[in-house]
Amino acid sequence: MDEEYDVIVLGTGLKECIISGLLSVDGLKVLHMDRNDYYGGESTSLNLTKLWKRFKGNETAPEHLGVSKEYNVDMVPKFMMANGALVRVLIHTSVTKYLNFKAVDGSFVYNNGKIHKVPATDVEALKSNLMGLFEKRRARKFFIYVQDYEEDDPKSHEGLDLHKVTTREVISKYGLEDDTVDFIGHALALHRDDNYLDEPAIDTVKRMKLYAESLARFQGGSPYIYPLYGLAELPQAFARLSAVYGGTYMLNKAECKVEFDENGKAYGVTSEGETAKCKKVVCDPSYLPDKVKKVGRVARAICIMKHPIPDTKDSHSVQIILPKKQLKRKSDMYVFCCSYAHNVAPKGKFIAFVSTEAETDKPEIELKPGIDLLGPVEETFFDIYDRYEPTNTADEDNCFVTNSYDATTHFETTVKDVLALYSKITGKELDLSVDLNAASAAESEAA
């Protein structure tokens, strides 16, 4: 191990594995280590026995839940936008050849106590029972404007410079009601708070277009896709990629201590008495606890069921977003459901997650609005984990620390973090202009 590397990556969570793969493809010499004997770190996937041990201690899982090895329960479950940045990264790195995707059945939003399909186009707006007749017409006009908008075609701008005009101003032009704005902002554009209303509208319009284009990709009920066997396949796929390009992976490496010189710059990592030298260190927050700060907590419930979520048209995989205004909370709540259709549970079993930014110490009470949507549940596991962000200056200490995973059940924020970190490390933007059809063969076969 006593060699010199361009970058040493600590932790095999999804973010670390994507970074490792991207840097390897760029021709950098990468050593990737993990203190655990498994891939995935915080974003690992557990079988039933391991899930039970983690949350219930030494009890044995009841037999009626089925065979342990047929469960692949993601600890940080997130769907991918079919045309989103993560899929572009997968294509850019050719990781798609190691994975099989399947389209996600449904995308819903919670509004006035009920679940509704998220309308993403002018046609769907007219059919939606989220709005009254006159509001449908107003929403339809807004959706047509967004669909027709092209950044390099001034005729499609209708006199609005979206780089200057706020989202609130654009929405007021169409006279949309608060409930409509709520589902557009949180379930379509996937904003986590309402700051976007006073920011340039271009970001929200681009997000809405991404949703609609991703939805059209597979002609399904949602814009999302998900790997068969769950997300644990992703870190392993990026590990394979890194190895193909000469990267070295080492699991079960005790301690993994980052070494600093007298100027406070990281120059290597020591494990089991050996030190590997490097120019830069990339790691998750657990490897450098004195260079991060706690910024919040995520509350989550993991539920095993034997039926789809009611009122989701029997969807075997689904996301439901509960906007914060609907719950009178400070942050949105997310419901994620997958099943044996994606090979994450035995035949007839469904896994549902309910997650949110924790505002109390009582997840079972706080998550009740989401859990109440699930119907009868066979088993529930509750959890709260801390969220960290780096406090260091990477230019000064050569350490690039990833953010913890947030409560969202989609990948848009995670990929944003990864791409920002990649730019910091390399000093360049990642070119994501790829042929999206390169990933479609496996996806459509699996769908």
Protein backbone atom coordinates (compact mmCIF):
# COMPACT_ATOMS: atom_id res chain seq x y z
CA MET A 1 0.00 0.00 0.00
CA ASP A 2 3.05 2.27 0.35
CA GLU A 3 2.49 4.01 -2.96
CA GLU A 4 1.58 7.51 -4.06
CA TYR A 5 -1.87 8.30 -5.47
CA ASP A 6 -3.51 11.38 -6.95
CA VAL A 7 -6.57 10.86 -4.75
CA ILE A 8 -7.47 8.57 -1.84
CA VAL A 9 -11.21 8.10 -1.35
CA LEU A 10 -12.47 6.93 2.07
CA GLY A 11 -15.91 5.32 2.34
CA THR A 12 -17.83 3.45 -0.37
CA GLY A 13 -21.10 5.37 -0.09
CA LEU A 14 -22.77 6.27 -3.35
CA LYS A 15 -21.30 9.79 -3.50
CA GLU A 16 -17.77 8.58 -2.83
CA CYS A 17 -18.10 5.80 -5.43
CA ILE A 18 -19.37 8.17 -8.14
CA ILE A 19 -16.48 10.60 -7.45
CA SER A 20 -13.99 7.72 -7.47
CA GLY A 21 -15.34 6.46 -10.80
CA LEU A 22 -15.32 9.91 -12.41
CA LEU A 23 -11.74 10.63 -11.29
CA SER A 24 -10.55 7.20 -12.49
CA VAL A 25 -12.12 7.80 -15.91
CA ASP A 26 -10.26 11.15 -15.97
CA GLY A 27 -6.99 9.21 -15.70
CA LEU A 28 -6.20 9.96 -12.04
CA LYS A 29 -4.59 7.27 -9.88
CA VAL A 30 -7.19 6.48 -7.22
CA LEU A 31 -7.04 4.36 -4.05
CA HIS A 32 -10.47 3.69 -2.54
CA MET A 33 -10.71 2.35 1.04
CA ASP A 34 -13.48 1.54 3.49
CA ARG A 35 -13.32 0.52 7.15
CA ASN A 36 -16.41 -1.69 6.57
CA ASP A 37 -16.33 -5.11 4.93
CA TYR A 38 -19.19 -4.16 2.58
CA TYR A 39 -19.88 -1.55 -0.09
CA GLY A 40 -22.27 1.34 0.38
CA GLY A 41 -21.43 2.96 3.72
CA GLU A 42 -24.52 4.89 4.90
CA SER A 43 -26.21 4.14 1.57
CA THR A 44 -25.81 0.37 1.85
CA SER A 45 -28.56 -2.20 1.23
CA LEU A 46 -29.53 -4.78 3.87
CA ASN A 47 -31.11 -8.24 3.73
CA LEU A 48 -33.83 -8.99 6.30
CA THR A 49 -31.47 -10.56 8.86
CA LYS A 50 -29.14 -7.54 8.81
CA LEU A 51 -32.08 -5.11 8.86
CA TRP A 52 -33.53 -6.90 11.88
CA LYS A 53 -30.17 -6.93 13.68
CA ARG A 54 -29.64 -3.22 13.02
CA PHE A 55 -33.02 -2.10 14.37
CA LYS A 56 -34.21 -4.92 16.64
CA GLY A 57 -30.98 -6.30 18.13
CA ASN A 58 -30.72 -10.05 18.57
CA GLU A 59 -34.35 -10.93 17.88
CA THR A 60 -35.07 -13.22 14.94
CA ALA A 61 -37.22 -12.01 12.06
CA PRO A 62 -40.60 -13.81 11.90
CA GLU A 63 -40.89 -16.46 9.18
CA HIS A 64 -43.99 -14.92 7.58
CA LEU A 65 -41.82 -12.06 6.24
CA GLY A 66 -40.10 -14.50 3.88
CA VAL A 67 -36.52 -15.39 2.96
CA SER A 68 -33.89 -12.94 4.25
CA LYS A 69 -31.67 -12.95 1.14
CA GLU A 70 -34.59 -11.90 -1.07
CA TYR A 71 -34.65 -8.51 0.69
CA ASN A 72 -32.46 -5.67 -0.59
CA VAL A 73 -33.55 -2.78 1.63
CA ASP A 74 -31.78 0.46 0.77
CA MET A 75 -30.83 2.57 3.76
CA VAL A 76 -30.95 5.76 1.66
CA PRO A 77 -33.58 4.98 -0.98
CA LYS A 78 -33.77 7.43 -3.87
CA PHE A 79 -35.31 7.25 -7.33
CA MET A 80 -33.50 8.61 -10.38
CA MET A 81 -34.97 11.10 -12.83
CA ALA A 82 -34.89 9.28 -16.19
CA ASN A 83 -33.21 12.24 -17.95
CA GLY A 84 -31.55 13.59 -14.81
CA ALA A 85 -27.93 14.27 -13.95
CA LEU A 86 -27.25 10.87 -12.33
CA VAL A 87 -28.39 8.97 -15.43
CA ARG A 88 -26.17 11.28 -17.49
CA VAL A 89 -23.23 10.46 -15.19
CA LEU A 90 -23.97 6.73 -15.56
CA ILE A 91 -23.93 7.07 -19.35
CA HIS A 92 -20.87 9.34 -19.36
CA THR A 93 -18.94 6.66 -17.43
CA SER A 94 -20.58 3.65 -19.19
CA VAL A 95 -21.68 2.30 -15.79
CA THR A 96 -25.05 1.51 -17.40
CA LYS A 97 -23.58 -1.75 -18.72
CA TYR A 98 -23.35 -3.06 -15.14
CA LEU A 99 -26.94 -2.18 -14.20
CA ASN A 100 -30.51 -2.99 -15.13
CA PHE A 101 -33.16 -0.34 -14.58
CA LYS A 102 -36.90 -0.51 -14.39
CA ALA A 103 -39.33 2.40 -14.68
CA VAL A 104 -41.09 3.52 -11.49
CA ASP A 105 -44.89 3.18 -11.70
CA GLY A 106 -46.19 6.32 -10.02
CA SER A 107 -45.45 9.87 -8.90
CA PHE A 108 -47.98 11.38 -6.50
CA VAL A 109 -48.50 14.44 -4.33
CA TYR A 110 -50.45 14.83 -1.08
CA ASN A 111 -52.97 17.65 -1.24
CA ASN A 112 -55.87 18.45 1.12
CA GLY A 113 -55.76 15.03 2.76
CA LYS A 114 -55.69 12.97 -0.46
CA ILE A 115 -53.10 11.47 -2.83
CA HIS A 116 -53.13 12.75 -6.41
CA LYS A 117 -51.07 11.88 -9.48
CA VAL A 118 -48.63 14.72 -10.21
CA PRO A 119 -49.75 16.37 -13.48
CA ALA A 120 -46.72 17.28 -15.60
CA THR A 121 -48.18 18.35 -18.95
CA ASP A 122 -51.02 20.52 -20.25
CA VAL A 123 -53.06 17.37 -21.06
CA GLU A 124 -52.59 15.95 -17.57
CA ALA A 125 -53.45 19.32 -16.01
CA LEU A 126 -56.90 19.20 -17.64
CA LYS A 127 -57.50 15.64 -16.37
CA SER A 128 -56.21 16.25 -12.85
CA ASN A 129 -58.61 16.25 -9.89
CA LEU A 130 -56.14 18.45 -7.98
CA MET A 131 -57.78 21.57 -9.41
CA GLY A 132 -61.17 23.02 -10.20
CA LEU A 133 -62.28 23.71 -13.78
CA PHE A 134 -61.03 27.32 -14.08
CA GLU A 135 -57.76 26.55 -12.29
CA LYS A 136 -57.16 23.64 -14.71
CA ARG A 137 -57.34 26.06 -17.63
CA ARG A 138 -54.91 28.48 -15.99
CA ALA A 139 -52.53 25.64 -15.12
CA ARG A 140 -52.79 24.30 -18.67
CA LYS A 141 -51.65 27.67 -20.06
CA PHE A 142 -48.72 27.73 -17.65
CA PHE A 143 -47.70 24.16 -18.57
CA ILE A 144 -47.85 25.02 -22.29
CA TYR A 145 -45.60 28.03 -21.66
CA VAL A 146 -43.07 25.82 -19.81
CA GLN A 147 -43.22 23.06 -22.46
CA ASP A 148 -42.67 25.52 -25.31
CA TYR A 149 -39.95 27.53 -23.55
CA GLU A 150 -36.55 27.23 -25.22
CA GLU A 151 -33.69 29.24 -23.74
CA ASP A 152 -32.18 30.09 -27.14
CA ASP A 153 -35.51 30.97 -28.80
CA PRO A 154 -36.68 34.46 -27.69
CA LYS A 155 -40.08 33.91 -29.37
CA SER A 156 -40.89 31.28 -26.74
CA HIS A 157 -40.13 33.67 -23.83
CA GLU A 158 -43.34 35.72 -24.14
CA GLY A 159 -41.39 38.85 -23.19
CA LEU A 160 -40.09 37.37 -19.90
CA ASP A 161 -36.39 37.16 -19.11
CA LEU A 162 -36.43 34.15 -16.80
CA HIS A 163 -32.90 34.91 -15.62
CA LYS A 164 -34.23 38.13 -14.06
CA VAL A 165 -37.94 37.55 -13.41
CA THR A 166 -38.76 35.58 -10.23
CA THR A 167 -40.84 32.41 -10.18
CA ARG A 168 -43.46 34.27 -8.13
CA GLU A 169 -43.82 36.90 -10.88
CA VAL A 170 -44.19 34.28 -13.62
CA ILE A 171 -46.78 32.36 -11.61
CA SER A 172 -48.77 35.53 -10.81
CA LYS A 173 -48.97 36.24 -14.56
CA TYR A 174 -50.99 33.01 -14.86
CA GLY A 175 -53.00 33.64 -11.67
CA LEU A 176 -52.37 30.21 -10.15
CA GLU A 177 -53.78 29.34 -6.72
CA ASP A 178 -51.56 28.58 -3.71
CA ASP A 179 -52.31 24.82 -3.74
CA THR A 180 -51.34 24.63 -7.43
CA VAL A 181 -48.13 26.54 -6.79
CA ASP A 182 -47.43 24.15 -3.90
CA PHE A 183 -47.54 20.96 -5.96
CA ILE A 184 -45.70 22.54 -8.91
CA GLY A 185 -42.87 23.78 -6.68
CA HIS A 186 -42.47 20.72 -4.47
CA ALA A 187 -43.67 17.68 -6.45
CA LEU A 188 -42.78 18.76 -10.01
CA ALA A 189 -39.80 21.10 -9.65
CA LEU A 190 -38.71 19.18 -6.50
CA HIS A 191 -37.81 22.26 -4.45
CA ARG A 192 -37.37 21.54 -0.74
CA ASP A 193 -38.40 24.99 0.50
CA ASP A 194 -40.19 28.06 -0.88
CA ASN A 195 -37.12 30.24 -1.47
CA TYR A 196 -37.41 29.44 -5.19
CA LEU A 197 -40.44 31.75 -5.45
CA ASP A 198 -38.19 34.79 -5.06
CA GLU A 199 -35.35 33.44 -7.20
CA PRO A 200 -34.98 33.66 -11.03
CA ALA A 201 -37.65 31.51 -12.66
CA ILE A 202 -35.23 29.83 -15.08
CA ASP A 203 -34.27 27.14 -12.52
CA THR A 204 -37.88 26.16 -11.79
CA VAL A 205 -38.80 26.09 -15.50
CA LYS A 206 -35.77 23.87 -16.25
CA ARG A 207 -36.73 21.52 -13.41
CA MET A 208 -40.32 21.27 -14.69
CA LYS A 209 -39.07 20.56 -18.20
CA LEU A 210 -36.73 17.86 -16.89
CA TYR A 211 -39.66 16.22 -15.08
CA ALA A 212 -41.88 16.29 -18.20
CA GLU A 213 -39.10 15.05 -20.51
CA SER A 214 -38.21 12.25 -18.08
CA LEU A 215 -41.89 11.29 -17.85
CA ALA A 216 -42.13 11.08 -21.65
CA ARG A 217 -39.03 8.90 -21.87
CA PHE A 218 -40.73 5.60 -20.98
CA GLN A 219 -44.38 6.62 -21.39
CA GLY A 220 -44.92 5.38 -17.83
CA GLY A 221 -46.63 6.81 -14.79
CA SER A 222 -43.58 8.61 -13.42
CA PRO A 223 -40.37 10.31 -14.53
CA TYR A 224 -38.28 8.01 -12.32
CA ILE A 225 -36.27 4.83 -12.80
CA TYR A 226 -34.70 2.51 -10.22
CA PRO A 227 -32.13 -0.30 -10.47
CA LEU A 228 -33.25 -3.89 -10.13
CA TYR A 229 -32.01 -5.21 -6.76
CA GLY A 230 -31.90 -1.65 -5.39
CA LEU A 231 -29.23 1.01 -5.04
CA ALA A 232 -26.51 -1.23 -3.58
CA GLU A 233 -25.80 -2.16 -7.20
CA LEU A 234 -24.65 1.42 -7.90
CA PRO A 235 -21.59 1.69 -5.60
CA GLN A 236 -20.46 -1.75 -6.80
CA ALA A 237 -20.90 -0.72 -10.44
CA PHE A 238 -18.76 2.39 -9.89
CA ALA A 239 -16.19 0.24 -8.05
CA ARG A 240 -15.97 -2.01 -11.12
CA LEU A 241 -15.63 1.05 -13.32
CA SER A 242 -12.81 2.43 -11.18
CA ALA A 243 -11.00 -0.93 -11.30
CA VAL A 244 -11.26 -1.02 -15.11
CA TYR A 245 -9.44 2.33 -15.20
CA GLY A 246 -6.74 1.23 -12.77
CA GLY A 247 -8.32 2.29 -9.47
CA THR A 248 -7.58 0.16 -6.39
CA TYR A 249 -10.32 -0.84 -3.91
CA MET A 250 -9.70 -2.07 -0.36
CA LEU A 251 -12.53 -3.01 1.99
CA ASN A 252 -12.27 -3.87 5.71
CA LYS A 253 -9.31 -1.50 6.26
CA ALA A 254 -9.09 -0.69 9.96
CA GLU A 255 -8.90 2.90 11.18
CA CYS A 256 -8.07 4.75 7.88
CA LYS A 257 -6.39 7.73 9.58
CA VAL A 258 -5.84 10.83 7.44
CA GLU A 259 -2.28 12.17 7.90
CA PHE A 260 -1.54 15.93 7.89
CA ASP A 261 1.77 17.80 7.50
CA GLU A 262 2.89 20.75 9.64
CA ASN A 263 0.88 23.13 7.43
CA GLY A 264 -2.35 21.20 8.04
CA LYS A 265 -2.45 19.72 4.54
CA ALA A 266 -3.46 16.08 4.09
CA TYR A 267 -0.69 14.04 2.49
CA GLY A 268 -1.80 10.43 2.99
CA VAL A 269 -3.85 7.82 4.83
CA THR A 270 -2.55 5.26 7.34
CA SER A 271 -4.18 1.88 7.87
CA GLU A 272 -2.75 -1.19 9.59
CA GLY A 273 0.66 0.45 9.96
CA GLU A 274 1.06 1.40 6.30
CA THR A 275 0.72 4.89 4.85
CA ALA A 276 -0.41 5.55 1.29
CA LYS A 277 0.51 9.05 0.11
CA CYS A 278 -1.75 11.27 -1.96
CA LYS A 279 -2.36 14.79 -3.19
CA LYS A 280 -6.05 14.89 -2.16
CA VAL A 281 -8.40 13.02 0.18
CA VAL A 282 -12.13 12.54 -0.52
CA CYS A 283 -14.26 11.08 2.27
CA ASP A 284 -17.66 10.93 3.94
CA PRO A 285 -18.14 12.93 7.19
CA SER A 286 -17.41 9.95 9.47
CA TYR A 287 -13.72 9.86 8.47
CA LEU A 288 -13.00 13.50 9.39
CA PRO A 289 -15.45 14.34 12.21
CA ASP A 290 -13.51 17.47 13.21
CA LYS A 291 -13.99 18.99 9.76
CA VAL A 292 -17.80 18.80 9.66
CA LYS A 293 -20.75 20.32 11.52
CA LYS A 294 -24.16 18.88 12.27
CA VAL A 295 -26.78 20.72 10.20
CA GLY A 296 -29.90 18.66 10.86
CA ARG A 297 -31.35 15.20 11.33
CA VAL A 298 -33.38 12.89 9.14
CA ALA A 299 -36.28 10.91 10.63
CA ARG A 300 -37.35 7.82 8.74
CA ALA A 301 -39.60 4.81 8.99
CA ILE A 302 -38.99 1.58 7.05
CA CYS A 303 -42.16 -0.45 6.62
CA ILE A 304 -42.71 -3.98 5.27
CA MET A 305 -46.17 -4.51 3.73
CA LYS A 306 -47.96 -7.08 1.58
CA HIS A 307 -49.89 -4.66 -0.63
CA PRO A 308 -49.32 -1.52 -2.71
CA ILE A 309 -50.03 1.86 -1.12
CA PRO A 310 -53.81 2.58 -1.37
CA ASP A 311 -54.99 5.13 -3.97
CA THR A 312 -51.80 4.80 -6.05
CA LYS A 313 -53.45 2.71 -8.80
CA ASP A 314 -51.80 -0.48 -7.46
CA SER A 315 -48.34 0.95 -8.19
CA HIS A 316 -45.55 -1.48 -7.31
CA SER A 317 -43.10 1.42 -7.10
CA VAL A 318 -44.09 4.96 -6.22
CA GLN A 319 -43.00 8.30 -4.79
CA ILE A 320 -45.41 10.51 -2.84
CA ILE A 321 -44.35 14.01 -1.82
CA LEU A 322 -46.19 15.65 1.08
CA PRO A 323 -45.44 19.40 0.77
CA LYS A 324 -44.69 21.10 4.09
CA LYS A 325 -47.60 23.55 3.81
CA GLN A 326 -50.05 20.66 3.60
CA LEU A 327 -48.69 19.31 6.90
CA LYS A 328 -48.02 22.70 8.53
CA ARG A 329 -44.36 21.70 8.92
CA LYS A 330 -41.02 23.36 8.17
CA SER A 331 -40.01 20.69 5.65
CA ASP A 332 -41.58 18.30 3.13
CA MET A 333 -42.22 14.62 3.86
CA TYR A 334 -41.40 11.88 1.35
CA VAL A 335 -42.85 8.42 0.81
CA PHE A 336 -40.92 5.90 -1.26
CA CYS A 337 -42.28 2.45 -2.08
CA CYS A 338 -40.71 -0.44 -3.98
CA SER A 339 -41.53 -4.14 -4.18
CA TYR A 340 -40.67 -7.56 -5.49
CA ALA A 341 -41.16 -6.05 -8.98
CA HIS A 342 -37.74 -4.37 -8.54
CA ASN A 343 -36.32 -7.49 -6.78
CA VAL A 344 -35.95 -5.71 -3.43
CA ALA A 345 -38.31 -8.03 -1.49
CA PRO A 346 -39.80 -11.55 -1.72
CA LYS A 347 -42.82 -12.15 -3.96
CA GLY A 348 -45.86 -10.29 -2.66
CA LYS A 349 -43.89 -7.98 -0.32
CA PHE A 350 -43.54 -4.20 -0.52
CA ILE A 351 -41.00 -1.94 1.22
CA ALA A 352 -42.11 1.61 2.04
CA PHE A 353 -39.99 4.42 3.46
CA VAL A 354 -41.30 7.59 5.03
CA SER A 355 -38.69 10.30 5.59
CA THR A 356 -38.43 13.95 6.53
CA GLU A 357 -36.07 16.46 8.10
CA ALA A 358 -36.57 15.74 11.83
CA GLU A 359 -38.19 18.54 13.83
CA THR A 360 -38.68 16.49 17.03
CA ASP A 361 -37.14 13.46 18.79
CA LYS A 362 -40.22 11.33 18.13
CA PRO A 363 -40.12 9.89 14.57
CA GLU A 364 -43.14 7.64 15.18
CA ILE A 365 -45.31 10.73 15.83
CA GLU A 366 -43.62 13.03 13.34
CA LEU A 367 -43.87 10.56 10.43
CA LYS A 368 -47.51 9.65 11.12
CA PRO A 369 -48.98 11.65 8.16
CA GLY A 370 -46.88 9.61 5.73
CA ILE A 371 -47.33 6.27 7.53
CA ASP A 372 -51.11 6.79 7.60
CA LEU A 373 -51.11 6.70 3.78
CA LEU A 374 -49.60 3.20 3.67
CA GLY A 375 -52.52 1.10 4.90
CA PRO A 376 -51.84 -2.03 7.04
CA VAL A 377 -48.14 -2.56 7.80
CA GLU A 378 -46.54 -5.88 8.84
CA GLU A 379 -43.41 -4.42 10.42
CA THR A 380 -42.03 -0.90 11.03
CA PHE A 381 -38.50 0.23 11.93
CA PHE A 382 -37.93 3.81 13.11
CA ASP A 383 -34.65 5.68 12.87
CA ILE A 384 -33.14 9.17 13.20
CA TYR A 385 -29.69 10.01 11.83
CA ASP A 386 -27.62 13.19 11.91
CA ARG A 387 -26.84 15.20 8.79
CA TYR A 388 -23.40 16.77 8.40
CA GLU A 389 -21.79 19.32 6.10
CA PRO A 390 -18.07 20.10 5.77
CA THR A 391 -16.66 23.20 7.52
CA ASN A 392 -13.14 23.02 6.11
CA THR A 393 -11.61 24.88 3.14
CA ALA A 394 -10.42 22.21 0.70
CA ASP A 395 -7.79 24.50 -0.86
CA GLU A 396 -6.11 24.79 2.53
CA ASP A 397 -6.11 21.15 3.70
CA ASN A 398 -6.58 19.02 0.51
CA CYS A 399 -9.66 17.36 2.09
CA PHE A 400 -12.92 17.08 0.13
CA VAL A 401 -15.74 15.94 2.43
CA THR A 402 -19.16 14.93 1.10
CA ASN A 403 -22.46 16.07 2.64
CA SER A 404 -24.67 13.54 4.45
CA TYR A 405 -27.75 12.27 2.62
CA ASP A 406 -30.92 14.35 2.98
CA ALA A 407 -34.51 13.16 3.44
CA THR A 408 -35.50 13.39 -0.25
CA THR A 409 -36.47 10.21 -2.11
CA HIS A 410 -34.98 11.32 -5.42
CA PHE A 411 -31.37 11.85 -6.51
CA GLU A 412 -31.44 15.45 -7.71
CA THR A 413 -29.80 16.99 -4.60
CA THR A 414 -27.28 14.13 -4.19
CA VAL A 415 -25.97 14.48 -7.75
CA LYS A 416 -25.72 18.25 -7.36
CA ASP A 417 -23.39 17.66 -4.38
CA VAL A 418 -21.28 15.16 -6.33
CA LEU A 419 -20.88 17.41 -9.39
CA ALA A 420 -19.94 20.40 -7.21
CA LEU A 421 -17.31 18.29 -5.44
CA TYR A 422 -15.96 16.98 -8.77
CA SER A 423 -15.53 20.57 -9.98
CA LYS A 424 -13.73 21.51 -6.74
CA ILE A 425 -11.32 18.58 -7.04
CA THR A 426 -10.57 18.87 -10.76
CA GLY A 427 -11.15 22.57 -11.41
CA LYS A 428 -13.47 21.76 -14.33
CA GLU A 429 -17.16 21.13 -14.99
CA LEU A 430 -18.24 17.61 -15.90
CA ASP A 431 -19.59 17.49 -19.45
CA LEU A 432 -22.99 15.81 -19.19
CA SER A 433 -24.06 16.28 -22.81
CA VAL A 434 -24.54 12.58 -23.55
CA ASP A 435 -26.79 10.45 -25.74
CA LEU A 436 -29.55 9.51 -23.29
CA ASN A 437 -30.59 6.62 -25.53
CA ALA A 438 -27.37 4.86 -24.56
CA ALA A 439 -29.09 3.75 -21.35
CA SER A 440 -32.51 2.96 -22.74
CA ALA A 441 -32.01 -0.61 -24.01
CA ALA A 442 -31.53 -2.22 -20.62
CA GLU A 443 -34.11 0.07 -19.05
CA SER A 444 -36.87 -0.61 -21.54
CA GLU A 445 -36.20 -4.38 -21.50
CA ALA A 446 -36.50 -4.34 -17.72
CA ALA A 447 -39.46 -1.96 -17.63
